Amino acid sequence: MVILVGADRLGNIENLLKQRGFDEYRHITGRNPKLQKFMRSSMSGVDLMILFTDFVGHNVMRNFRKLARENKVQFIACKRTMGDVATCLDKCGYSEPQDCMKCQQCDMKRK
């Protein structure tokens, strides 16, 4: 599961996450301070946290970064653009699967 923090709308970022193998995500706008406290108890099953830096303040970023560190969740801070998110995912090892040239029935084949 991926937690996305910041921004009101995700746009095509949902599709990008699905391409990278993330079927489940939770989006938090970051506007509600009470939600930051609630998140402390609901971090089970989270693999990655992505924070959009152009939509949240420094305190929100600090709190979510600390939350990720306490729960041993990988943390990415980037702008809310397809290119920036894709670059950050690539750097963290979540690259897009490549087409398999060996056979037509391979599970790695893109749909």
C-alpha atoms as a PDB file:
ATOM      1  CA  MET A   1       0.000   0.000   0.000  1.00  0.00           C
ATOM      2  CA  VAL A   2       1.118   3.549  -0.736  1.00  0.00           C
ATOM      3  CA  ILE A   3       0.167   6.619   1.270  1.00  0.00           C
ATOM      4  CA  LEU A   4       0.057   9.839  -0.757  1.00  0.00           C
ATOM      5  CA  VAL A   5       0.233  13.074   1.228  1.00  0.00           C
ATOM      6  CA  GLY A   6      -0.608  16.463  -0.258  1.00  0.00           C
ATOM      7  CA  ALA A   7      -2.537  17.783  -3.252  1.00  0.00           C
ATOM      8  CA  ASP A   8      -6.299  17.837  -3.655  1.00  0.00           C
ATOM      9  CA  ARG A   9      -6.337  15.725  -6.827  1.00  0.00           C
ATOM     10  CA  LEU A  10      -3.957  13.020  -8.002  1.00  0.00           C
ATOM     11  CA  GLY A  11      -4.647  13.067 -11.732  1.00  0.00           C
ATOM     12  CA  ASN A  12      -2.648  10.450 -13.663  1.00  0.00           C
ATOM     13  CA  ILE A  13      -0.475   9.575 -10.682  1.00  0.00           C
ATOM     14  CA  GLU A  14      -2.975   6.808  -9.851  1.00  0.00           C
ATOM     15  CA  ASN A  15      -2.241   5.173 -13.219  1.00  0.00           C
ATOM     16  CA  LEU A  16       1.502   5.550 -12.689  1.00  0.00           C
ATOM     17  CA  LEU A  17       1.269   3.751  -9.334  1.00  0.00           C
ATOM     18  CA  LYS A  18      -0.708   0.905 -10.929  1.00  0.00           C
ATOM     19  CA  GLN A  19       1.939   0.574 -13.648  1.00  0.00           C
ATOM     20  CA  ARG A  20       4.590   0.277 -10.949  1.00  0.00           C
ATOM     21  CA  GLY A  21       2.721  -2.514  -9.148  1.00  0.00           C
ATOM     22  CA  PHE A  22       0.875  -0.593  -6.427  1.00  0.00           C
ATOM     23  CA  ASP A  23      -2.778  -1.632  -6.503  1.00  0.00           C
ATOM     24  CA  GLU A  24      -3.788  -0.042  -3.230  1.00  0.00           C
ATOM     25  CA  TYR A  25      -3.233   3.524  -2.056  1.00  0.00           C
ATOM     26  CA  ARG A  26      -4.587   6.033   0.437  1.00  0.00           C
ATOM     27  CA  HIS A  27      -4.647   9.759  -0.343  1.00  0.00           C
ATOM     28  CA  ILE A  28      -4.377  12.367   2.421  1.00  0.00           C
ATOM     29  CA  THR A  29      -4.594  16.057   1.530  1.00  0.00           C
ATOM     30  CA  GLY A  30      -2.500  17.075   4.534  1.00  0.00           C
ATOM     31  CA  ARG A  31      -4.858  19.905   5.474  1.00  0.00           C
ATOM     32  CA  ASN A  32      -6.345  18.247   8.549  1.00  0.00           C
ATOM     33  CA  PRO A  33      -3.915  18.131  11.514  1.00  0.00           C
ATOM     34  CA  LYS A  34      -6.105  15.559  13.321  1.00  0.00           C
ATOM     35  CA  LEU A  35      -5.501  13.099  10.503  1.00  0.00           C
ATOM     36  CA  GLN A  36      -1.761  13.172  11.206  1.00  0.00           C
ATOM     37  CA  LYS A  37      -2.447  11.853  14.698  1.00  0.00           C
ATOM     38  CA  PHE A  38      -4.844   9.210  13.346  1.00  0.00           C
ATOM     39  CA  MET A  39      -2.207   7.976  10.896  1.00  0.00           C
ATOM     40  CA  ARG A  40       0.074   6.937  13.752  1.00  0.00           C
ATOM     41  CA  SER A  41      -2.229   4.000  14.494  1.00  0.00           C
ATOM     42  CA  SER A  42      -2.983   2.965  10.901  1.00  0.00           C
ATOM     43  CA  MET A  43       0.423   2.333   9.324  1.00  0.00           C
ATOM     44  CA  SER A  44       0.241  -1.459   9.129  1.00  0.00           C
ATOM     45  CA  GLY A  45       0.682  -2.824   5.621  1.00  0.00           C
ATOM     46  CA  VAL A  46       2.149   0.405   4.245  1.00  0.00           C
ATOM     47  CA  ASP A  47       5.138  -0.068   1.919  1.00  0.00           C
ATOM     48  CA  LEU A  48       5.754   3.484   0.739  1.00  0.00           C
ATOM     49  CA  MET A  49       4.825   7.056   1.624  1.00  0.00           C
ATOM     50  CA  ILE A  50       4.954   9.769  -1.053  1.00  0.00           C
ATOM     51  CA  LEU A  51       4.723  13.385   0.061  1.00  0.00           C
ATOM     52  CA  PHE A  52       4.048  16.126  -2.503  1.00  0.00           C
ATOM     53  CA  THR A  53       6.264  19.009  -1.408  1.00  0.00           C
ATOM     54  CA  ASP A  54       4.513  21.702  -3.425  1.00  0.00           C
ATOM     55  CA  PHE A  55       1.246  21.241  -1.474  1.00  0.00           C
ATOM     56  CA  VAL A  56       2.247  20.882   2.191  1.00  0.00           C
ATOM     57  CA  GLY A  57       4.129  22.971   4.726  1.00  0.00           C
ATOM     58  CA  HIS A  58       7.344  22.205   6.547  1.00  0.00           C
ATOM     59  CA  ASN A  59       5.635  21.023   9.743  1.00  0.00           C
ATOM     60  CA  VAL A  60       3.421  18.577   7.869  1.00  0.00           C
ATOM     61  CA  MET A  61       6.451  17.254   6.000  1.00  0.00           C
ATOM     62  CA  ARG A  62       8.431  16.851   9.206  1.00  0.00           C
ATOM     63  CA  ASN A  63       5.563  15.006  10.925  1.00  0.00           C
ATOM     64  CA  PHE A  64       4.974  12.550   8.081  1.00  0.00           C
ATOM     65  CA  ARG A  65       8.699  11.943   7.562  1.00  0.00           C
ATOM     66  CA  LYS A  66       9.015  11.149  11.267  1.00  0.00           C
ATOM     67  CA  LEU A  67       5.973   8.874  11.084  1.00  0.00           C
ATOM     68  CA  ALA A  68       7.486   6.972   8.151  1.00  0.00           C
ATOM     69  CA  ARG A  69      10.827   6.623   9.938  1.00  0.00           C
ATOM     70  CA  GLU A  70       9.174   5.335  13.149  1.00  0.00           C
ATOM     71  CA  ASN A  71       7.252   2.696  11.180  1.00  0.00           C
ATOM     72  CA  LYS A  72      10.182   1.779   8.903  1.00  0.00           C
ATOM     73  CA  VAL A  73       8.269   2.834   5.784  1.00  0.00           C
ATOM     74  CA  GLN A  74      10.157   4.062   2.728  1.00  0.00           C
ATOM     75  CA  PHE A  75       9.583   7.815   2.255  1.00  0.00           C
ATOM     76  CA  ILE A  76       9.694   9.870  -0.944  1.00  0.00           C
ATOM     77  CA  ALA A  77       9.326  13.659  -1.102  1.00  0.00           C
ATOM     78  CA  CYS A  78       8.711  15.049  -4.594  1.00  0.00           C
ATOM     79  CA  LYS A  79       6.616  17.481  -6.609  1.00  0.00           C
ATOM     80  CA  ARG A  80       3.208  16.410  -7.900  1.00  0.00           C
ATOM     81  CA  THR A  81       4.206  15.864 -11.505  1.00  0.00           C
ATOM     82  CA  MET A  82       4.255  12.588 -13.392  1.00  0.00           C
ATOM     83  CA  GLY A  83       7.915  13.023 -14.309  1.00  0.00           C
ATOM     84  CA  ASP A  84       9.084  13.795 -10.793  1.00  0.00           C
ATOM     85  CA  VAL A  85       7.106  10.953  -9.211  1.00  0.00           C
ATOM     86  CA  ALA A  86       8.351   8.504 -11.869  1.00  0.00           C
ATOM     87  CA  THR A  87      11.970   9.599 -11.340  1.00  0.00           C
ATOM     88  CA  CYS A  88      11.701   9.212  -7.559  1.00  0.00           C
ATOM     89  CA  LEU A  89      10.081   5.782  -7.897  1.00  0.00           C
ATOM     90  CA  ASP A  90      12.866   4.698 -10.267  1.00  0.00           C
ATOM     91  CA  LYS A  91      15.543   5.837  -7.801  1.00  0.00           C
ATOM     92  CA  CYS A  92      13.884   3.843  -5.019  1.00  0.00           C
ATOM     93  CA  GLY A  93      13.705   0.646  -7.046  1.00  0.00           C
ATOM     94  CA  TYR A  94      10.078   0.780  -8.170  1.00  0.00           C
ATOM     95  CA  SER A  95      10.804   0.885 -11.883  1.00  0.00           C
ATOM     96  CA  GLU A  96       8.322   0.053 -14.596  1.00  0.00           C
ATOM     97  CA  PRO A  97       8.361  -3.636 -15.644  1.00  0.00           C
ATOM     98  CA  GLN A  98       9.911  -4.252 -19.048  1.00  0.00           C
ATOM     99  CA  ASP A  99       8.378  -6.342 -21.831  1.00  0.00           C
ATOM    100  CA  CYS A 100       9.529  -9.936 -21.815  1.00  0.00           C
ATOM    101  CA  MET A 101      10.889 -11.045 -25.163  1.00  0.00           C
ATOM    102  CA  LYS A 102      11.057 -14.776 -24.351  1.00  0.00           C
ATOM    103  CA  CYS A 103       7.422 -15.770 -24.761  1.00  0.00           C
ATOM    104  CA  GLN A 104       3.898 -14.500 -25.238  1.00  0.00           C
ATOM    105  CA  GLN A 105       2.554 -16.039 -22.014  1.00  0.00           C
ATOM    106  CA  CYS A 106       5.005 -14.404 -19.590  1.00  0.00           C
ATOM    107  CA  ASP A 107       3.569 -12.753 -16.464  1.00  0.00           C
ATOM    108  CA  MET A 108       5.924  -9.806 -16.901  1.00  0.00           C
ATOM    109  CA  LYS A 109       4.280  -8.823 -20.195  1.00  0.00           C
ATOM    110  CA  ARG A 110       2.605  -5.423 -19.969  1.00  0.00           C
ATOM    111  CA  LYS A 111      -1.147  -5.403 -20.377  1.00  0.00           C
END
